[in-house]
Amino acid sequence: MSGGMLLWPLLRRSGGEVDTLVAVQMINYKDAVVLDVREGSEYAAGHVPNSRHIPADKLEERLHELEKFKDKPIILIHRSGVNTTGKAGAILRKQAFAHVHDLQGGIDAWRQANLPIVKK
């Protein structure tokens, strides 16, 4: 029963913003792909473990790297205050990615929740 209650937010969402709790649930239970669309220096300064990095301005030319994840949830990470995920999300949805979500508050929200960050 409690497992079903944890998964309920995942089942009813097919896009839009998710908070850090739902993002972690999606990563753990739905094998979500974390896609960081910040600039290279921002990514190197600290990012979500196992995240993929494709800057927003390079996404269209590097879409082939994500093709195998079309049916998986994708969580887009941006820098707080600069929502580059709007453009990135639109590109992915246009290319038939089924479940695209923005992390509410971006990388700053991830840090504030004391979730793991790795540096390159």
C-alpha atoms as a PDB file:
ATOM      1  CA  MET A   1       0.000   0.000   0.000  1.00  0.00           C
ATOM      2  CA  SER A   2       2.685   2.506   0.967  1.00  0.00           C
ATOM      3  CA  GLY A   3       4.656   1.669  -2.196  1.00  0.00           C
ATOM      4  CA  GLY A   4       1.589   2.452  -4.280  1.00  0.00           C
ATOM      5  CA  MET A   5       1.187   5.771  -2.508  1.00  0.00           C
ATOM      6  CA  LEU A   6       4.818   6.636  -3.293  1.00  0.00           C
ATOM      7  CA  LEU A   7       4.363   5.797  -6.943  1.00  0.00           C
ATOM      8  CA  TRP A   8       1.015   7.580  -7.387  1.00  0.00           C
ATOM      9  CA  PRO A   9       2.572  10.978  -8.188  1.00  0.00           C
ATOM     10  CA  LEU A  10       4.680   9.287 -10.865  1.00  0.00           C
ATOM     11  CA  LEU A  11       1.744   7.614 -12.528  1.00  0.00           C
ATOM     12  CA  ARG A  12      -0.397  10.712 -12.817  1.00  0.00           C
ATOM     13  CA  ARG A  13       2.321  12.965 -14.248  1.00  0.00           C
ATOM     14  CA  SER A  14       3.411  12.908 -17.852  1.00  0.00           C
ATOM     15  CA  GLY A  15       5.163  16.266 -17.955  1.00  0.00           C
ATOM     16  CA  GLY A  16       5.626  19.579 -16.209  1.00  0.00           C
ATOM     17  CA  GLU A  17       7.617  20.379 -13.102  1.00  0.00           C
ATOM     18  CA  VAL A  18       8.520  17.912 -10.386  1.00  0.00           C
ATOM     19  CA  ASP A  19      10.045  18.625  -6.995  1.00  0.00           C
ATOM     20  CA  THR A  20      13.126  16.870  -5.659  1.00  0.00           C
ATOM     21  CA  LEU A  21      11.122  14.180  -3.826  1.00  0.00           C
ATOM     22  CA  VAL A  22       9.250  13.135  -6.958  1.00  0.00           C
ATOM     23  CA  ALA A  23      12.463  13.357  -9.000  1.00  0.00           C
ATOM     24  CA  VAL A  24      14.233  10.944  -6.632  1.00  0.00           C
ATOM     25  CA  GLN A  25      11.246   8.583  -6.776  1.00  0.00           C
ATOM     26  CA  MET A  26      11.320   8.692 -10.563  1.00  0.00           C
ATOM     27  CA  ILE A  27      15.053   7.965 -10.591  1.00  0.00           C
ATOM     28  CA  ASN A  28      14.714   5.074  -8.126  1.00  0.00           C
ATOM     29  CA  TYR A  29      11.454   3.472  -9.294  1.00  0.00           C
ATOM     30  CA  LYS A  30      11.071   4.485 -12.945  1.00  0.00           C
ATOM     31  CA  ASP A  31      14.728   4.511 -14.027  1.00  0.00           C
ATOM     32  CA  ALA A  32      14.405   8.171 -15.031  1.00  0.00           C
ATOM     33  CA  VAL A  33      17.193   9.822 -16.995  1.00  0.00           C
ATOM     34  CA  VAL A  34      18.558  13.037 -15.493  1.00  0.00           C
ATOM     35  CA  LEU A  35      19.541  15.453 -18.245  1.00  0.00           C
ATOM     36  CA  ASP A  36      21.534  18.496 -17.181  1.00  0.00           C
ATOM     37  CA  VAL A  37      21.143  21.296 -19.747  1.00  0.00           C
ATOM     38  CA  ARG A  38      23.438  23.831 -18.048  1.00  0.00           C
ATOM     39  CA  GLU A  39      26.721  25.090 -19.497  1.00  0.00           C
ATOM     40  CA  GLY A  40      29.825  22.929 -19.212  1.00  0.00           C
ATOM     41  CA  SER A  41      31.483  24.947 -16.443  1.00  0.00           C
ATOM     42  CA  GLU A  42      28.292  24.832 -14.344  1.00  0.00           C
ATOM     43  CA  TYR A  43      28.020  21.069 -14.820  1.00  0.00           C
ATOM     44  CA  ALA A  44      31.696  20.564 -13.883  1.00  0.00           C
ATOM     45  CA  ALA A  45      31.195  22.630 -10.699  1.00  0.00           C
ATOM     46  CA  GLY A  46      28.616  20.125  -9.430  1.00  0.00           C
ATOM     47  CA  HIS A  47      25.912  17.895 -10.884  1.00  0.00           C
ATOM     48  CA  VAL A  48      23.500  15.089 -10.045  1.00  0.00           C
ATOM     49  CA  PRO A  49      25.279  11.698  -9.959  1.00  0.00           C
ATOM     50  CA  ASN A  50      24.882   9.689 -13.187  1.00  0.00           C
ATOM     51  CA  SER A  51      23.300  12.628 -14.980  1.00  0.00           C
ATOM     52  CA  ARG A  52      23.840  13.169 -18.679  1.00  0.00           C
ATOM     53  CA  HIS A  53      25.107  16.542 -19.801  1.00  0.00           C
ATOM     54  CA  ILE A  54      23.944  18.217 -22.981  1.00  0.00           C
ATOM     55  CA  PRO A  55      23.850  22.031 -22.895  1.00  0.00           C
ATOM     56  CA  ALA A  56      20.472  23.406 -24.015  1.00  0.00           C
ATOM     57  CA  ASP A  57      21.983  25.103 -27.059  1.00  0.00           C
ATOM     58  CA  LYS A  58      23.483  21.787 -28.262  1.00  0.00           C
ATOM     59  CA  LEU A  59      20.441  19.602 -27.638  1.00  0.00           C
ATOM     60  CA  GLU A  60      19.047  19.520 -31.165  1.00  0.00           C
ATOM     61  CA  GLU A  61      22.345  18.401 -32.693  1.00  0.00           C
ATOM     62  CA  ARG A  62      22.902  15.765 -29.979  1.00  0.00           C
ATOM     63  CA  LEU A  63      19.383  14.275 -29.824  1.00  0.00           C
ATOM     64  CA  HIS A  64      20.698  10.980 -31.203  1.00  0.00           C
ATOM     65  CA  GLU A  65      22.385  10.411 -27.804  1.00  0.00           C
ATOM     66  CA  LEU A  66      18.965  10.291 -26.147  1.00  0.00           C
ATOM     67  CA  GLU A  67      16.990   8.219 -28.682  1.00  0.00           C
ATOM     68  CA  LYS A  68      17.195   5.045 -26.591  1.00  0.00           C
ATOM     69  CA  PHE A  69      15.507   6.880 -23.681  1.00  0.00           C
ATOM     70  CA  LYS A  70      12.350   7.992 -25.540  1.00  0.00           C
ATOM     71  CA  ASP A  71      10.049   5.871 -23.365  1.00  0.00           C
ATOM     72  CA  LYS A  72      11.722   6.691 -20.042  1.00  0.00           C
ATOM     73  CA  PRO A  73      11.000   9.693 -17.860  1.00  0.00           C
ATOM     74  CA  ILE A  74      13.489  12.498 -18.410  1.00  0.00           C
ATOM     75  CA  ILE A  75      14.183  15.029 -15.665  1.00  0.00           C
ATOM     76  CA  LEU A  76      15.700  18.259 -16.946  1.00  0.00           C
ATOM     77  CA  ILE A  77      18.105  20.133 -14.671  1.00  0.00           C
ATOM     78  CA  HIS A  78      18.749  23.832 -15.147  1.00  0.00           C
ATOM     79  CA  ARG A  79      20.384  26.609 -13.185  1.00  0.00           C
ATOM     80  CA  SER A  80      17.924  28.273 -10.834  1.00  0.00           C
ATOM     81  CA  GLY A  81      16.703  31.589 -12.098  1.00  0.00           C
ATOM     82  CA  VAL A  82      17.527  30.706 -15.700  1.00  0.00           C
ATOM     83  CA  ASN A  83      14.984  28.232 -16.990  1.00  0.00           C
ATOM     84  CA  THR A  84      16.686  26.793 -20.045  1.00  0.00           C
ATOM     85  CA  THR A  85      14.579  23.672 -19.690  1.00  0.00           C
ATOM     86  CA  GLY A  86      11.584  25.312 -21.370  1.00  0.00           C
ATOM     87  CA  LYS A  87      13.369  25.236 -24.720  1.00  0.00           C
ATOM     88  CA  ALA A  88      14.932  21.833 -24.025  1.00  0.00           C
ATOM     89  CA  GLY A  89      11.589  20.345 -22.975  1.00  0.00           C
ATOM     90  CA  ALA A  90       9.900  21.690 -26.098  1.00  0.00           C
ATOM     91  CA  ILE A  91      12.599  20.136 -28.302  1.00  0.00           C
ATOM     92  CA  LEU A  92      12.255  16.747 -26.589  1.00  0.00           C
ATOM     93  CA  ARG A  93       8.454  16.751 -26.685  1.00  0.00           C
ATOM     94  CA  LYS A  94       8.517  17.679 -30.382  1.00  0.00           C
ATOM     95  CA  GLN A  95      10.726  14.628 -30.976  1.00  0.00           C
ATOM     96  CA  ALA A  96       8.163  12.329 -29.266  1.00  0.00           C
ATOM     97  CA  PHE A  97       9.856  11.915 -25.898  1.00  0.00           C
ATOM     98  CA  ALA A  98       6.924  10.725 -23.802  1.00  0.00           C
ATOM     99  CA  HIS A  99       7.671  11.896 -20.255  1.00  0.00           C
ATOM    100  CA  VAL A 100       9.671  15.111 -19.940  1.00  0.00           C
ATOM    101  CA  HIS A 101       9.816  16.895 -16.567  1.00  0.00           C
ATOM    102  CA  ASP A 102      11.603  19.996 -15.301  1.00  0.00           C
ATOM    103  CA  LEU A 103      13.172  19.885 -11.847  1.00  0.00           C
ATOM    104  CA  GLN A 104      11.421  22.646  -9.950  1.00  0.00           C
ATOM    105  CA  GLY A 105      14.077  25.059  -8.670  1.00  0.00           C
ATOM    106  CA  GLY A 106      16.824  23.470 -10.770  1.00  0.00           C
ATOM    107  CA  ILE A 107      20.168  22.440  -9.357  1.00  0.00           C
ATOM    108  CA  ASP A 108      19.786  24.843  -6.417  1.00  0.00           C
ATOM    109  CA  ALA A 109      16.704  22.950  -5.209  1.00  0.00           C
ATOM    110  CA  TRP A 110      18.681  19.685  -5.462  1.00  0.00           C
ATOM    111  CA  ARG A 111      21.465  21.177  -3.332  1.00  0.00           C
ATOM    112  CA  GLN A 112      19.034  22.658  -0.791  1.00  0.00           C
ATOM    113  CA  ALA A 113      17.479  19.228  -0.341  1.00  0.00           C
ATOM    114  CA  ASN A 114      20.969  17.942   0.579  1.00  0.00           C
ATOM    115  CA  LEU A 115      20.903  15.441  -2.252  1.00  0.00           C
ATOM    116  CA  PRO A 116      24.194  14.142  -3.642  1.00  0.00           C
ATOM    117  CA  ILE A 117      26.293  16.309  -5.952  1.00  0.00           C
ATOM    118  CA  VAL A 118      29.424  15.179  -7.762  1.00  0.00           C
ATOM    119  CA  LYS A 119      32.123  17.286  -9.391  1.00  0.00           C
ATOM    120  CA  LYS A 120      34.123  16.471 -12.485  1.00  0.00           C
END
